[in-house]
Structures are given as C-alpha cells and as structure tokens.
Amino acid sequence: MYELLAEATLFEKPDNRNMTAANDKMAFFILRTSFTLAAFTLSVEYNTHVSEKFSFRYIDA
C-alpha cells in the first residue's frame, strides 16, 4: 500500500496553472506596454515631421 502511494506521488506533476496565468498576464502587459510606447513614439515622430514640413515659418512674408 505504501509503495503504491510513493509511486503515485513520484509521477505526480506539480500544479503550475496559477503561475502560468501570472506569467501570461505579465507577458501580455509587457507586450501591450511596448506596443503602446512604440505607437506613441511613432505618432510623435510623424506629427513633428508633418508639422515641420507644413509649417508656415519657412515662408518669407
């Protein structure tokens, strides 16, 4: 009886579902944050480029 119990606990896999969910949440948070920062940086770059290109300060009046 004890030998069977010892064998059953030997091959029992640990329950890592909570850690996997936490790791997935963290990975999605990092991905979302990096994409948000990249989109913000690109929009700022685009807006400054467009405003420099189409500003009227280069026109001599």
C-alpha atoms as a PDB file:
ATOM      1  CA  MET A   1       0.000   0.000   0.000  1.00  0.00           C
ATOM      2  CA  TYR A   2       2.729   2.479   0.928  1.00  0.00           C
ATOM      3  CA  GLU A   3       4.771   1.536  -2.122  1.00  0.00           C
ATOM      4  CA  LEU A   4       1.855   2.369  -4.416  1.00  0.00           C
ATOM      5  CA  LEU A   5       1.356   5.699  -2.679  1.00  0.00           C
ATOM      6  CA  ALA A   6       5.047   6.507  -3.041  1.00  0.00           C
ATOM      7  CA  GLU A   7       4.961   5.646  -6.755  1.00  0.00           C
ATOM      8  CA  ALA A   8       1.845   7.755  -7.274  1.00  0.00           C
ATOM      9  CA  THR A   9       3.431  10.799  -5.676  1.00  0.00           C
ATOM     10  CA  LEU A  10       6.640  10.248  -7.653  1.00  0.00           C
ATOM     11  CA  PHE A  11       4.907  10.637 -11.010  1.00  0.00           C
ATOM     12  CA  GLU A  12       2.514  13.379  -9.957  1.00  0.00           C
ATOM     13  CA  LYS A  13       3.070  16.597 -11.878  1.00  0.00           C
ATOM     14  CA  PRO A  14       3.058  19.856  -9.935  1.00  0.00           C
ATOM     15  CA  ASP A  15       0.120  22.155 -10.463  1.00  0.00           C
ATOM     16  CA  ASN A  16       1.532  25.237 -12.155  1.00  0.00           C
ATOM     17  CA  ARG A  17      -1.678  26.711 -13.517  1.00  0.00           C
ATOM     18  CA  ASN A  18      -1.601  29.780 -11.286  1.00  0.00           C
ATOM     19  CA  MET A  19       1.991  30.624 -12.160  1.00  0.00           C
ATOM     20  CA  THR A  20       1.283  30.125 -15.861  1.00  0.00           C
ATOM     21  CA  ALA A  21      -1.643  32.521 -15.667  1.00  0.00           C
ATOM     22  CA  ALA A  22       0.501  35.078 -13.857  1.00  0.00           C
ATOM     23  CA  ASN A  23       3.298  34.720 -16.404  1.00  0.00           C
ATOM     24  CA  ASP A  24       0.828  35.124 -19.272  1.00  0.00           C
ATOM     25  CA  LYS A  25      -0.614  38.243 -17.654  1.00  0.00           C
ATOM     26  CA  MET A  26       2.857  39.709 -17.225  1.00  0.00           C
ATOM     27  CA  ALA A  27       3.856  38.854 -20.794  1.00  0.00           C
ATOM     28  CA  PHE A  28       0.711  40.447 -22.195  1.00  0.00           C
ATOM     29  CA  PHE A  29       1.262  43.512 -20.024  1.00  0.00           C
ATOM     30  CA  ILE A  30       4.833  43.894 -21.286  1.00  0.00           C
ATOM     31  CA  LEU A  31       3.743  43.387 -24.896  1.00  0.00           C
ATOM     32  CA  ARG A  32       0.882  45.862 -24.586  1.00  0.00           C
ATOM     33  CA  THR A  33       3.110  48.446 -22.917  1.00  0.00           C
ATOM     34  CA  SER A  34       5.851  48.116 -25.522  1.00  0.00           C
ATOM     35  CA  PHE A  35       3.371  48.374 -28.395  1.00  0.00           C
ATOM     36  CA  THR A  36       1.777  51.415 -26.771  1.00  0.00           C
ATOM     37  CA  LEU A  37       5.156  53.096 -26.335  1.00  0.00           C
ATOM     38  CA  ALA A  38       6.119  52.274 -29.916  1.00  0.00           C
ATOM     39  CA  ALA A  39       2.847  53.650 -31.286  1.00  0.00           C
ATOM     40  CA  PHE A  40       3.174  56.793 -29.177  1.00  0.00           C
ATOM     41  CA  THR A  41       6.768  57.335 -30.317  1.00  0.00           C
ATOM     42  CA  LEU A  42       5.842  56.821 -33.961  1.00  0.00           C
ATOM     43  CA  SER A  43       2.894  59.199 -33.716  1.00  0.00           C
ATOM     44  CA  VAL A  44       5.054  61.868 -32.084  1.00  0.00           C
ATOM     45  CA  GLU A  45       7.728  61.408 -34.755  1.00  0.00           C
ATOM     46  CA  TYR A  46       5.122  61.592 -37.512  1.00  0.00           C
ATOM     47  CA  ASN A  47       3.420  64.642 -36.034  1.00  0.00           C
ATOM     48  CA  THR A  48       6.656  66.575 -35.576  1.00  0.00           C
ATOM     49  CA  HIS A  49       7.753  65.670 -39.098  1.00  0.00           C
ATOM     50  CA  VAL A  50       4.419  66.742 -40.594  1.00  0.00           C
ATOM     51  CA  SER A  51       4.300  69.947 -38.570  1.00  0.00           C
ATOM     52  CA  GLU A  52       7.835  70.841 -39.663  1.00  0.00           C
ATOM     53  CA  LYS A  53       7.033  70.042 -43.269  1.00  0.00           C
ATOM     54  CA  PHE A  54       3.795  72.014 -43.455  1.00  0.00           C
ATOM     55  CA  SER A  55       4.536  74.863 -41.095  1.00  0.00           C
ATOM     56  CA  PHE A  56       4.451  78.413 -42.415  1.00  0.00           C
ATOM     57  CA  ARG A  57       7.583  79.616 -40.702  1.00  0.00           C
ATOM     58  CA  TYR A  58       9.667  78.843 -43.793  1.00  0.00           C
ATOM     59  CA  ILE A  59       7.627  81.206 -45.956  1.00  0.00           C
ATOM     60  CA  ASP A  60       9.088  84.701 -46.184  1.00  0.00           C
ATOM     61  CA  ALA A  61       6.306  87.230 -45.923  1.00  0.00           C
END
